[in-house]
Amino acid sequence: MLVILIEGQLLAPATVRHSCPMASQSGEPRWKQGKLGCGRPVPAKSAAADLQQYECTMGFRIAEVTE
């Protein structure tokens, strides 16, 4: 599941990106085969950071959460 990280909160992408021109028709980020098509990878700040983050063109941080 993809989530948007904003000020310590996790939000569903569709609640924020519904009007983004870079999002899919359903308002989801363009996520395909483990890569974000509408953003860039953000380097991890520590070796312990195991959560890959991406920054979309609108400035949000997006991460994939699995459980």
PDB file of N, CA and C in Angstrom:
ATOM      1  N   MET A   1       0.840  -1.166   0.000  1.00  0.00           N
ATOM      2  CA  MET A   1       0.000   0.000   0.000  1.00  0.00           C
ATOM      3  C   MET A   1       0.892   1.238   0.000  1.00  0.00           C
ATOM      4  N   LEU A   2       0.551   2.192  -0.822  1.00  0.00           N
ATOM      5  CA  LEU A   2       1.272   3.459  -0.846  1.00  0.00           C
ATOM      6  C   LEU A   2       0.610   4.427   0.114  1.00  0.00           C
ATOM      7  N   VAL A   3       1.424   5.214   0.815  1.00  0.00           N
ATOM      8  CA  VAL A   3       0.909   6.236   1.719  1.00  0.00           C
ATOM      9  C   VAL A   3       1.651   7.542   1.473  1.00  0.00           C
ATOM     10  N   ILE A   4       1.002   8.635   1.834  1.00  0.00           N
ATOM     11  CA  ILE A   4       1.631   9.953   1.777  1.00  0.00           C
ATOM     12  C   ILE A   4       2.009  10.332   3.196  1.00  0.00           C
ATOM     13  N   LEU A   5       3.232  10.815   3.366  1.00  0.00           N
ATOM     14  CA  LEU A   5       3.740  11.211   4.674  1.00  0.00           C
ATOM     15  C   LEU A   5       3.683  12.732   4.784  1.00  0.00           C
ATOM     16  N   ILE A   6       2.874  13.220   5.727  1.00  0.00           N
ATOM     17  CA  ILE A   6       2.758  14.665   5.942  1.00  0.00           C
ATOM     18  C   ILE A   6       2.798  14.928   7.438  1.00  0.00           C
ATOM     19  N   GLU A   7       3.813  15.640   7.896  1.00  0.00           N
ATOM     20  CA  GLU A   7       3.940  16.046   9.289  1.00  0.00           C
ATOM     21  C   GLU A   7       3.628  14.914  10.265  1.00  0.00           C
ATOM     22  N   GLY A   8       4.224  13.750  10.059  1.00  0.00           N
ATOM     23  CA  GLY A   8       4.051  12.630  10.961  1.00  0.00           C
ATOM     24  C   GLY A   8       2.757  11.870  10.790  1.00  0.00           C
ATOM     25  N   GLN A   9       1.963  12.187   9.782  1.00  0.00           N
ATOM     26  CA  GLN A   9       0.709  11.488   9.523  1.00  0.00           C
ATOM     27  C   GLN A   9       0.845  10.639   8.271  1.00  0.00           C
ATOM     28  N   LEU A  10       0.110   9.542   8.237  1.00  0.00           N
ATOM     29  CA  LEU A  10       0.030   8.706   7.041  1.00  0.00           C
ATOM     30  C   LEU A  10      -1.344   8.904   6.419  1.00  0.00           C
ATOM     31  N   LEU A  11      -1.380   9.280   5.162  1.00  0.00           N
ATOM     32  CA  LEU A  11      -2.643   9.513   4.464  1.00  0.00           C
ATOM     33  C   LEU A  11      -2.708   8.642   3.224  1.00  0.00           C
ATOM     34  N   ALA A  12      -3.912   8.243   2.852  1.00  0.00           N
ATOM     35  CA  ALA A  12      -4.107   7.521   1.594  1.00  0.00           C
ATOM     36  C   ALA A  12      -3.879   8.498   0.448  1.00  0.00           C
ATOM     37  N   PRO A  13      -3.133   8.098  -0.586  1.00  0.00           N
ATOM     38  CA  PRO A  13      -2.836   9.015  -1.685  1.00  0.00           C
ATOM     39  C   PRO A  13      -4.069   9.616  -2.352  1.00  0.00           C
ATOM     40  N   ALA A  14      -5.133   8.864  -2.511  1.00  0.00           N
ATOM     41  CA  ALA A  14      -6.316   9.371  -3.219  1.00  0.00           C
ATOM     42  C   ALA A  14      -6.957  10.542  -2.486  1.00  0.00           C
ATOM     43  N   THR A  15      -6.806  10.636  -1.166  1.00  0.00           N
ATOM     44  CA  THR A  15      -7.422  11.743  -0.434  1.00  0.00           C
ATOM     45  C   THR A  15      -6.728  13.071  -0.710  1.00  0.00           C
ATOM     46  N   VAL A  16      -5.480  13.030  -1.142  1.00  0.00           N
ATOM     47  CA  VAL A  16      -4.716  14.249  -1.393  1.00  0.00           C
ATOM     48  C   VAL A  16      -4.539  14.504  -2.884  1.00  0.00           C
ATOM     49  N   ARG A  17      -4.358  13.449  -3.652  1.00  0.00           N
ATOM     50  CA  ARG A  17      -3.954  13.592  -5.044  1.00  0.00           C
ATOM     51  C   ARG A  17      -5.106  13.540  -6.043  1.00  0.00           C
ATOM     52  N   HIS A  18      -6.332  13.626  -5.627  1.00  0.00           N
ATOM     53  CA  HIS A  18      -7.451  13.453  -6.562  1.00  0.00           C
ATOM     54  C   HIS A  18      -7.443  14.461  -7.706  1.00  0.00           C
ATOM     55  N   SER A  19      -6.828  15.615  -7.522  1.00  0.00           N
ATOM     56  CA  SER A  19      -6.793  16.606  -8.594  1.00  0.00           C
ATOM     57  C   SER A  19      -5.413  16.775  -9.222  1.00  0.00           C
ATOM     58  N   CYS A  20      -4.454  15.933  -8.837  1.00  0.00           N
ATOM     59  CA  CYS A  20      -3.096  16.044  -9.383  1.00  0.00           C
ATOM     60  C   CYS A  20      -3.061  15.583 -10.835  1.00  0.00           C
ATOM     61  N   PRO A  21      -2.533  16.386 -11.732  1.00  0.00           N
ATOM     62  CA  PRO A  21      -2.463  15.980 -13.146  1.00  0.00           C
ATOM     63  C   PRO A  21      -1.499  14.823 -13.388  1.00  0.00           C
ATOM     64  N   MET A  22      -0.592  14.549 -12.436  1.00  0.00           N
ATOM     65  CA  MET A  22       0.358  13.455 -12.596  1.00  0.00           C
ATOM     66  C   MET A  22      -0.182  12.139 -12.052  1.00  0.00           C
ATOM     67  N   ALA A  23      -1.292  12.166 -11.321  1.00  0.00           N
ATOM     68  CA  ALA A  23      -1.868  10.956 -10.729  1.00  0.00           C
ATOM     69  C   ALA A  23      -2.633  10.168 -11.782  1.00  0.00           C
ATOM     70  N   SER A  24      -2.919   8.915 -11.446  1.00  0.00           N
ATOM     71  CA  SER A  24      -3.734   8.089 -12.339  1.00  0.00           C
ATOM     72  C   SER A  24      -5.182   8.581 -12.302  1.00  0.00           C
ATOM     73  N   GLN A  25      -6.035   7.998 -13.112  1.00  0.00           N
ATOM     74  CA  GLN A  25      -7.435   8.406 -13.146  1.00  0.00           C
ATOM     75  C   GLN A  25      -8.134   8.187 -11.809  1.00  0.00           C
ATOM     76  N   SER A  26      -7.640   7.244 -11.006  1.00  0.00           N
ATOM     77  CA  SER A  26      -8.241   6.984  -9.701  1.00  0.00           C
ATOM     78  C   SER A  26      -7.635   7.852  -8.597  1.00  0.00           C
ATOM     79  N   GLY A  27      -6.714   8.750  -8.940  1.00  0.00           N
ATOM     80  CA  GLY A  27      -6.092   9.624  -7.952  1.00  0.00           C
ATOM     81  C   GLY A  27      -4.890   9.017  -7.263  1.00  0.00           C
ATOM     82  N   GLU A  28      -4.454   7.862  -7.710  1.00  0.00           N
ATOM     83  CA  GLU A  28      -3.307   7.178  -7.103  1.00  0.00           C
ATOM     84  C   GLU A  28      -2.006   7.600  -7.795  1.00  0.00           C
ATOM     85  N   PRO A  29      -0.904   7.570  -7.068  1.00  0.00           N
ATOM     86  CA  PRO A  29       0.395   7.823  -7.694  1.00  0.00           C
ATOM     87  C   PRO A  29       0.671   6.786  -8.777  1.00  0.00           C
ATOM     88  N   ARG A  30       1.457   7.146  -9.745  1.00  0.00           N
ATOM     89  CA  ARG A  30       1.785   6.229 -10.851  1.00  0.00           C
ATOM     90  C   ARG A  30       2.882   5.266 -10.408  1.00  0.00           C
ATOM     91  N   TRP A  31       2.494   4.224  -9.690  1.00  0.00           N
ATOM     92  CA  TRP A  31       3.382   3.226  -9.115  1.00  0.00           C
ATOM     93  C   TRP A  31       3.356   2.004  -9.999  1.00  0.00           C
ATOM     94  N   LYS A  32       4.513   1.616 -10.535  1.00  0.00           N
ATOM     95  CA  LYS A  32       4.561   0.455 -11.424  1.00  0.00           C
ATOM     96  C   LYS A  32       5.864  -0.289 -11.202  1.00  0.00           C
ATOM     97  N   GLN A  33       5.773  -1.561 -10.899  1.00  0.00           N
ATOM     98  CA  GLN A  33       6.923  -2.440 -10.711  1.00  0.00           C
ATOM     99  C   GLN A  33       7.936  -1.870  -9.724  1.00  0.00           C
ATOM    100  N   GLY A  34       7.423  -1.351  -8.598  1.00  0.00           N
ATOM    101  CA  GLY A  34       8.298  -0.859  -7.543  1.00  0.00           C
ATOM    102  C   GLY A  34       8.924   0.493  -7.784  1.00  0.00           C
ATOM    103  N   LYS A  35       8.442   1.237  -8.776  1.00  0.00           N
ATOM    104  CA  LYS A  35       8.985   2.555  -9.073  1.00  0.00           C
ATOM    105  C   LYS A  35       7.850   3.571  -9.174  1.00  0.00           C
ATOM    106  N   LEU A  36       8.119   4.779  -8.693  1.00  0.00           N
ATOM    107  CA  LEU A  36       7.143   5.854  -8.776  1.00  0.00           C
ATOM    108  C   LEU A  36       7.385   6.638 -10.058  1.00  0.00           C
ATOM    109  N   GLY A  37       6.410   6.632 -10.950  1.00  0.00           N
ATOM    110  CA  GLY A  37       6.573   7.288 -12.249  1.00  0.00           C
ATOM    111  C   GLY A  37       6.372   8.787 -12.220  1.00  0.00           C
ATOM    112  N   CYS A  38       5.893   9.317 -11.099  1.00  0.00           N
ATOM    113  CA  CYS A  38       5.639  10.754 -11.027  1.00  0.00           C
ATOM    114  C   CYS A  38       6.412  11.396  -9.880  1.00  0.00           C
ATOM    115  N   GLY A  39       7.615  10.896  -9.629  1.00  0.00           N
ATOM    116  CA  GLY A  39       8.422  11.452  -8.549  1.00  0.00           C
ATOM    117  C   GLY A  39       9.852  10.951  -8.621  1.00  0.00           C
ATOM    118  N   ARG A  40      10.605  11.233  -7.567  1.00  0.00           N
ATOM    119  CA  ARG A  40      12.010  10.806  -7.528  1.00  0.00           C
ATOM    120  C   ARG A  40      12.319  10.174  -6.181  1.00  0.00           C
ATOM    121  N   PRO A  41      13.253   9.228  -6.145  1.00  0.00           N
ATOM    122  CA  PRO A  41      13.644   8.610  -4.871  1.00  0.00           C
ATOM    123  C   PRO A  41      14.301   9.632  -3.945  1.00  0.00           C
ATOM    124  N   VAL A  42      14.041   9.516  -2.664  1.00  0.00           N
ATOM    125  CA  VAL A  42      14.665  10.368  -1.652  1.00  0.00           C
ATOM    126  C   VAL A  42      15.715   9.516  -0.944  1.00  0.00           C
ATOM    127  N   PRO A  43      16.972   9.960  -0.917  1.00  0.00           N
ATOM    128  CA  PRO A  43      18.014   9.170  -0.252  1.00  0.00           C
ATOM    129  C   PRO A  43      17.713   8.993   1.235  1.00  0.00           C
ATOM    130  N   ALA A  44      17.995   7.802   1.762  1.00  0.00           N
ATOM    131  CA  ALA A  44      17.807   7.523   3.187  1.00  0.00           C
ATOM    132  C   ALA A  44      18.802   8.347   3.991  1.00  0.00           C
ATOM    133  N   LYS A  45      18.354   8.885   5.117  1.00  0.00           N
ATOM    134  CA  LYS A  45      19.231   9.710   5.955  1.00  0.00           C
ATOM    135  C   LYS A  45      20.073   8.883   6.917  1.00  0.00           C
ATOM    136  N   SER A  46      19.706   7.612   7.090  1.00  0.00           N
ATOM    137  CA  SER A  46      20.501   6.757   7.972  1.00  0.00           C
ATOM    138  C   SER A  46      20.502   5.339   7.425  1.00  0.00           C
ATOM    139  N   ALA A  47      21.479   4.572   7.837  1.00  0.00           N
ATOM    140  CA  ALA A  47      21.576   3.188   7.379  1.00  0.00           C
ATOM    141  C   ALA A  47      20.425   2.351   7.916  1.00  0.00           C
ATOM    142  N   ALA A  48      19.813   2.778   9.027  1.00  0.00           N
ATOM    143  CA  ALA A  48      18.709   2.033   9.628  1.00  0.00           C
ATOM    144  C   ALA A  48      17.379   2.292   8.930  1.00  0.00           C
ATOM    145  N   ALA A  49      17.332   3.294   8.076  1.00  0.00           N
ATOM    146  CA  ALA A  49      16.067   3.624   7.405  1.00  0.00           C
ATOM    147  C   ALA A  49      15.783   2.574   6.336  1.00  0.00           C
ATOM    148  N   ASP A  50      14.787   1.748   6.594  1.00  0.00           N
ATOM    149  CA  ASP A  50      14.458   0.691   5.642  1.00  0.00           C
ATOM    150  C   ASP A  50      13.206   1.018   4.839  1.00  0.00           C
ATOM    151  N   LEU A  51      12.652   2.197   5.015  1.00  0.00           N
ATOM    152  CA  LEU A  51      11.455   2.615   4.300  1.00  0.00           C
ATOM    153  C   LEU A  51      11.857   3.500   3.139  1.00  0.00           C
ATOM    154  N   GLN A  52      11.732   2.983   1.915  1.00  0.00           N
ATOM    155  CA  GLN A  52      12.075   3.779   0.737  1.00  0.00           C
ATOM    156  C   GLN A  52      11.030   4.868   0.546  1.00  0.00           C
ATOM    157  N   GLN A  53      11.483   6.100   0.425  1.00  0.00           N
ATOM    158  CA  GLN A  53      10.580   7.221   0.221  1.00  0.00           C
ATOM    159  C   GLN A  53      10.835   7.848  -1.138  1.00  0.00           C
ATOM    160  N   TYR A  54       9.781   8.451  -1.664  1.00  0.00           N
ATOM    161  CA  TYR A  54       9.846   9.160  -2.935  1.00  0.00           C
ATOM    162  C   TYR A  54       9.227  10.533  -2.738  1.00  0.00           C
ATOM    163  N   GLU A  55       9.674  11.505  -3.523  1.00  0.00           N
ATOM    164  CA  GLU A  55       9.059  12.826  -3.478  1.00  0.00           C
ATOM    165  C   GLU A  55       8.342  13.044  -4.800  1.00  0.00           C
ATOM    166  N   CYS A  56       7.042  13.270  -4.705  1.00  0.00           N
ATOM    167  CA  CYS A  56       6.275  13.475  -5.936  1.00  0.00           C
ATOM    168  C   CYS A  56       6.464  14.904  -6.418  1.00  0.00           C
ATOM    169  N   THR A  57       6.001  15.205  -7.613  1.00  0.00           N
ATOM    170  CA  THR A  57       6.193  16.517  -8.197  1.00  0.00           C
ATOM    171  C   THR A  57       5.433  17.604  -7.440  1.00  0.00           C
ATOM    172  N   MET A  58       4.434  17.230  -6.637  1.00  0.00           N
ATOM    173  CA  MET A  58       3.685  18.211  -5.845  1.00  0.00           C
ATOM    174  C   MET A  58       4.352  18.470  -4.489  1.00  0.00           C
ATOM    175  N   GLY A  59       5.464  17.767  -4.185  1.00  0.00           N
ATOM    176  CA  GLY A  59       6.203  17.997  -2.961  1.00  0.00           C
ATOM    177  C   GLY A  59       5.891  17.048  -1.828  1.00  0.00           C
ATOM    178  N   PHE A  60       4.947  16.143  -2.011  1.00  0.00           N
ATOM    179  CA  PHE A  60       4.624  15.173  -0.977  1.00  0.00           C
ATOM    180  C   PHE A  60       5.666  14.076  -0.933  1.00  0.00           C
ATOM    181  N   ARG A  61       5.826  13.456   0.222  1.00  0.00           N
ATOM    182  CA  ARG A  61       6.638  12.257   0.345  1.00  0.00           C
ATOM    183  C   ARG A  61       5.704  11.050   0.253  1.00  0.00           C
ATOM    184  N   ILE A  62       6.081  10.080  -0.529  1.00  0.00           N
ATOM    185  CA  ILE A  62       5.289   8.862  -0.711  1.00  0.00           C
ATOM    186  C   ILE A  62       6.159   7.683  -0.332  1.00  0.00           C
ATOM    187  N   ALA A  63       5.580   6.713   0.366  1.00  0.00           N
ATOM    188  CA  ALA A  63       6.311   5.517   0.775  1.00  0.00           C
ATOM    189  C   ALA A  63       5.423   4.309   0.581  1.00  0.00           C
ATOM    190  N   GLU A  64       6.063   3.160   0.330  1.00  0.00           N
ATOM    191  CA  GLU A  64       5.322   1.912   0.246  1.00  0.00           C
ATOM    192  C   GLU A  64       5.399   1.217   1.599  1.00  0.00           C
ATOM    193  N   VAL A  65       4.234   0.868   2.147  1.00  0.00           N
ATOM    194  CA  VAL A  65       4.157   0.205   3.437  1.00  0.00           C
ATOM    195  C   VAL A  65       3.575  -1.186   3.201  1.00  0.00           C
ATOM    196  N   THR A  66       4.252  -2.198   3.721  1.00  0.00           N
ATOM    197  CA  THR A  66       3.761  -3.568   3.581  1.00  0.00           C
ATOM    198  C   THR A  66       3.528  -4.169   4.949  1.00  0.00           C
ATOM    199  N   GLU A  67       2.462  -4.912   5.074  1.00  0.00           N
ATOM    200  CA  GLU A  67       2.154  -5.657   6.299  1.00  0.00           C
ATOM    201  C   GLU A  67       0.987  -6.535   6.047  1.00  0.00           C
TER     202      GLU A  67
END
